[in-house]
Amino acid sequence: MDYAYEIDCVVEEHLRGVRRLQQEYEDMRQSLSGHGGAEVLAAIDQARAEYAEQERLAAEEKERLEVEARAEQERTATEAREQREAIARSIAARKAQDVVMPIDDEGDEESEYYRRKSWLI
C-alpha cells in the first residue's frame, strides 16, 4: 500500500471540497449583494428578536417555577411545624390526663394516707 498516494488523494479531495464551498459562498454573497440583501438582513433581525423573546419567556418561566418551589417549600415547612405542634399538644394532653385528682379533696382519709411525705412508719 502506497501511503503517500493515499495522502495525496485525501488532500486533493479536501481541496476540491474547500474550493466548492468557497464558490458556493461567493455565489451567495453576490446574489445577496445584488438583490434581496435587505430582506435577508430583516429576516435575520426578526429571527434574533424571536430568539430574544423566547429567552425572556424562558427566564420568566424559570423564575415562576422557582417562586412556586419556594412557596411549596414554605407550605411544607409550615405543615411540618403545625404537625409537630399538634403532636406536642397531644402529648401534653395525655400527660395531663395521667394525673388522677380526687373528686372530694376534703375528708378523704385514704388520699391523706397516699399523699403522706414519708412512708416510714
C-alpha atoms as a PDB file:
ATOM      1  CA  MET A   1       0.000   0.000   0.000  1.00  0.00           C
ATOM      2  CA  ASP A   2       1.385   3.374  -1.017  1.00  0.00           C
ATOM      3  CA  TYR A   3       0.690   5.790   1.855  1.00  0.00           C
ATOM      4  CA  ALA A   4       1.992   8.839   0.006  1.00  0.00           C
ATOM      5  CA  TYR A   5      -0.507   8.249  -2.803  1.00  0.00           C
ATOM      6  CA  GLU A   6      -3.374   7.794  -0.298  1.00  0.00           C
ATOM      7  CA  ILE A   7      -2.400  11.021   1.475  1.00  0.00           C
ATOM      8  CA  ASP A   8      -2.266  12.896  -1.833  1.00  0.00           C
ATOM      9  CA  CYS A   9      -5.737  11.609  -2.762  1.00  0.00           C
ATOM     10  CA  VAL A  10      -7.205  12.697   0.565  1.00  0.00           C
ATOM     11  CA  VAL A  11      -5.580  16.147   0.278  1.00  0.00           C
ATOM     12  CA  GLU A  12      -6.864  16.589  -3.299  1.00  0.00           C
ATOM     13  CA  GLU A  13     -10.391  15.587  -2.248  1.00  0.00           C
ATOM     14  CA  HIS A  14     -10.255  18.025   0.646  1.00  0.00           C
ATOM     15  CA  LEU A  15      -9.052  20.871  -1.579  1.00  0.00           C
ATOM     16  CA  ARG A  16     -11.837  20.183  -4.096  1.00  0.00           C
ATOM     17  CA  GLY A  17     -14.404  20.356  -1.276  1.00  0.00           C
ATOM     18  CA  VAL A  18     -12.923  23.620   0.008  1.00  0.00           C
ATOM     19  CA  ARG A  19     -12.987  25.168  -3.484  1.00  0.00           C
ATOM     20  CA  ARG A  20     -16.597  24.063  -3.969  1.00  0.00           C
ATOM     21  CA  LEU A  21     -17.647  25.604  -0.624  1.00  0.00           C
ATOM     22  CA  GLN A  22     -15.778  28.825  -1.415  1.00  0.00           C
ATOM     23  CA  GLN A  23     -17.541  29.030  -4.780  1.00  0.00           C
ATOM     24  CA  GLU A  24     -20.949  28.499  -3.116  1.00  0.00           C
ATOM     25  CA  TYR A  25     -20.111  31.181  -0.575  1.00  0.00           C
ATOM     26  CA  GLU A  26     -19.129  33.656  -3.273  1.00  0.00           C
ATOM     27  CA  ASP A  27     -22.294  32.872  -5.266  1.00  0.00           C
ATOM     28  CA  MET A  28     -24.448  33.530  -2.206  1.00  0.00           C
ATOM     29  CA  ARG A  29     -22.649  36.766  -1.408  1.00  0.00           C
ATOM     30  CA  GLN A  30     -23.108  38.021  -4.934  1.00  0.00           C
ATOM     31  CA  SER A  31     -26.780  37.095  -5.034  1.00  0.00           C
ATOM     32  CA  LEU A  32     -27.381  38.813  -1.687  1.00  0.00           C
ATOM     33  CA  SER A  33     -25.488  41.935  -2.582  1.00  0.00           C
ATOM     34  CA  GLY A  34     -27.256  42.219  -5.912  1.00  0.00           C
ATOM     35  CA  HIS A  35     -30.790  41.908  -4.692  1.00  0.00           C
ATOM     36  CA  GLY A  36     -32.664  40.757  -1.595  1.00  0.00           C
ATOM     37  CA  GLY A  37     -29.876  41.500   0.846  1.00  0.00           C
ATOM     38  CA  ALA A  38     -32.089  43.807   2.865  1.00  0.00           C
ATOM     39  CA  GLU A  39     -34.747  41.113   3.066  1.00  0.00           C
ATOM     40  CA  VAL A  40     -32.244  38.603   4.426  1.00  0.00           C
ATOM     41  CA  LEU A  41     -30.983  41.117   6.979  1.00  0.00           C
ATOM     42  CA  ALA A  42     -34.557  41.825   8.037  1.00  0.00           C
ATOM     43  CA  ALA A  43     -35.206  38.097   8.385  1.00  0.00           C
ATOM     44  CA  ILE A  44     -32.049  37.751  10.480  1.00  0.00           C
ATOM     45  CA  ASP A  45     -33.137  40.648  12.700  1.00  0.00           C
ATOM     46  CA  GLN A  46     -36.595  39.108  13.072  1.00  0.00           C
ATOM     47  CA  ALA A  47     -35.078  35.744  13.994  1.00  0.00           C
ATOM     48  CA  ARG A  48     -32.873  37.435  16.595  1.00  0.00           C
ATOM     49  CA  ALA A  49     -35.883  39.250  18.052  1.00  0.00           C
ATOM     50  CA  GLU A  50     -37.859  35.998  18.226  1.00  0.00           C
ATOM     51  CA  TYR A  51     -34.915  34.282  19.922  1.00  0.00           C
ATOM     52  CA  ALA A  52     -34.648  37.122  22.463  1.00  0.00           C
ATOM     53  CA  GLU A  53     -38.390  36.839  23.160  1.00  0.00           C
ATOM     54  CA  GLN A  54     -38.067  33.088  23.673  1.00  0.00           C
ATOM     55  CA  GLU A  55     -35.138  33.666  26.046  1.00  0.00           C
ATOM     56  CA  ARG A  56     -37.191  36.206  28.007  1.00  0.00           C
ATOM     57  CA  LEU A  57     -40.163  33.854  28.242  1.00  0.00           C
ATOM     58  CA  ALA A  58     -37.909  31.016  29.356  1.00  0.00           C
ATOM     59  CA  ALA A  59     -36.377  33.236  32.057  1.00  0.00           C
ATOM     60  CA  GLU A  60     -39.853  34.260  33.261  1.00  0.00           C
ATOM     61  CA  GLU A  61     -40.964  30.624  33.357  1.00  0.00           C
ATOM     62  CA  LYS A  62     -37.852  29.657  35.299  1.00  0.00           C
ATOM     63  CA  GLU A  63     -38.450  32.470  37.786  1.00  0.00           C
ATOM     64  CA  ARG A  64     -42.113  31.451  38.165  1.00  0.00           C
ATOM     65  CA  LEU A  65     -41.111  27.848  38.830  1.00  0.00           C
ATOM     66  CA  GLU A  66     -38.566  28.967  41.426  1.00  0.00           C
ATOM     67  CA  VAL A  67     -41.214  31.087  43.182  1.00  0.00           C
ATOM     68  CA  GLU A  68     -43.633  28.143  43.159  1.00  0.00           C
ATOM     69  CA  ALA A  69     -40.923  25.840  44.536  1.00  0.00           C
ATOM     70  CA  ARG A  70     -40.154  28.287  47.363  1.00  0.00           C
ATOM     71  CA  ALA A  71     -43.873  28.610  48.156  1.00  0.00           C
ATOM     72  CA  GLU A  72     -44.242  24.825  48.199  1.00  0.00           C
ATOM     73  CA  GLN A  73     -41.206  24.516  50.454  1.00  0.00           C
ATOM     74  CA  GLU A  74     -42.625  27.126  52.841  1.00  0.00           C
ATOM     75  CA  ARG A  75     -46.009  25.382  52.826  1.00  0.00           C
ATOM     76  CA  THR A  76     -44.367  22.048  53.593  1.00  0.00           C
ATOM     77  CA  ALA A  77     -42.330  23.592  56.406  1.00  0.00           C
ATOM     78  CA  THR A  78     -45.483  25.206  57.843  1.00  0.00           C
ATOM     79  CA  GLU A  79     -47.359  21.892  57.680  1.00  0.00           C
ATOM     80  CA  ALA A  80     -44.482  20.095  59.407  1.00  0.00           C
ATOM     81  CA  ARG A  81     -44.321  22.757  62.138  1.00  0.00           C
ATOM     82  CA  GLU A  82     -48.085  22.584  62.678  1.00  0.00           C
ATOM     83  CA  GLN A  83     -47.915  18.798  62.851  1.00  0.00           C
ATOM     84  CA  ARG A  84     -45.095  18.933  65.426  1.00  0.00           C
ATOM     85  CA  GLU A  85     -47.108  21.436  67.481  1.00  0.00           C
ATOM     86  CA  ALA A  86     -50.189  19.202  67.312  1.00  0.00           C
ATOM     87  CA  ILE A  87     -48.143  16.217  68.454  1.00  0.00           C
ATOM     88  CA  ALA A  88     -46.725  18.254  71.339  1.00  0.00           C
ATOM     89  CA  ARG A  89     -50.249  19.345  72.349  1.00  0.00           C
ATOM     90  CA  SER A  90     -51.453  15.746  72.165  1.00  0.00           C
ATOM     91  CA  ILE A  91     -48.589  14.532  74.361  1.00  0.00           C
ATOM     92  CA  ALA A  92     -49.241  17.330  76.851  1.00  0.00           C
ATOM     93  CA  ALA A  93     -52.949  16.452  76.950  1.00  0.00           C
ATOM     94  CA  ARG A  94     -52.177  12.774  77.584  1.00  0.00           C
ATOM     95  CA  LYS A  95     -49.766  13.660  80.366  1.00  0.00           C
ATOM     96  CA  ALA A  96     -52.347  15.994  81.886  1.00  0.00           C
ATOM     97  CA  GLN A  97     -54.907  13.184  81.907  1.00  0.00           C
ATOM     98  CA  ASP A  98     -52.469  10.787  83.633  1.00  0.00           C
ATOM     99  CA  VAL A  99     -52.668  12.724  86.903  1.00  0.00           C
ATOM    100  CA  VAL A 100     -55.552  11.490  88.986  1.00  0.00           C
ATOM    101  CA  MET A 101     -57.104  14.035  91.295  1.00  0.00           C
ATOM    102  CA  PRO A 102     -59.614  13.030  93.955  1.00  0.00           C
ATOM    103  CA  ILE A 103     -63.084  14.372  93.449  1.00  0.00           C
ATOM    104  CA  ASP A 104     -63.535  15.303  97.069  1.00  0.00           C
ATOM    105  CA  ASP A 105     -60.242  16.568  98.440  1.00  0.00           C
ATOM    106  CA  GLU A 106     -61.565  17.263 101.882  1.00  0.00           C
ATOM    107  CA  GLY A 107     -62.309  14.487 104.288  1.00  0.00           C
ATOM    108  CA  ASP A 108     -60.756  11.782 102.192  1.00  0.00           C
ATOM    109  CA  GLU A 109     -58.675   9.870 104.699  1.00  0.00           C
ATOM    110  CA  GLU A 110     -57.471   7.444 102.131  1.00  0.00           C
ATOM    111  CA  SER A 111     -55.983  10.230  99.996  1.00  0.00           C
ATOM    112  CA  GLU A 112     -54.192  11.629 103.006  1.00  0.00           C
ATOM    113  CA  TYR A 113     -52.693   8.213 103.561  1.00  0.00           C
ATOM    114  CA  TYR A 114     -51.328   8.058  99.995  1.00  0.00           C
ATOM    115  CA  ARG A 115     -50.178  11.690  99.986  1.00  0.00           C
ATOM    116  CA  ARG A 116     -48.074  11.470 103.120  1.00  0.00           C
ATOM    117  CA  LYS A 117     -44.480  12.691 102.794  1.00  0.00           C
ATOM    118  CA  SER A 118     -42.795   9.779 104.426  1.00  0.00           C
ATOM    119  CA  TRP A 119     -43.696   6.152 104.042  1.00  0.00           C
ATOM    120  CA  LEU A 120     -41.589   5.177 107.006  1.00  0.00           C
ATOM    121  CA  ILE A 121     -43.811   4.268 109.954  1.00  0.00           C
END
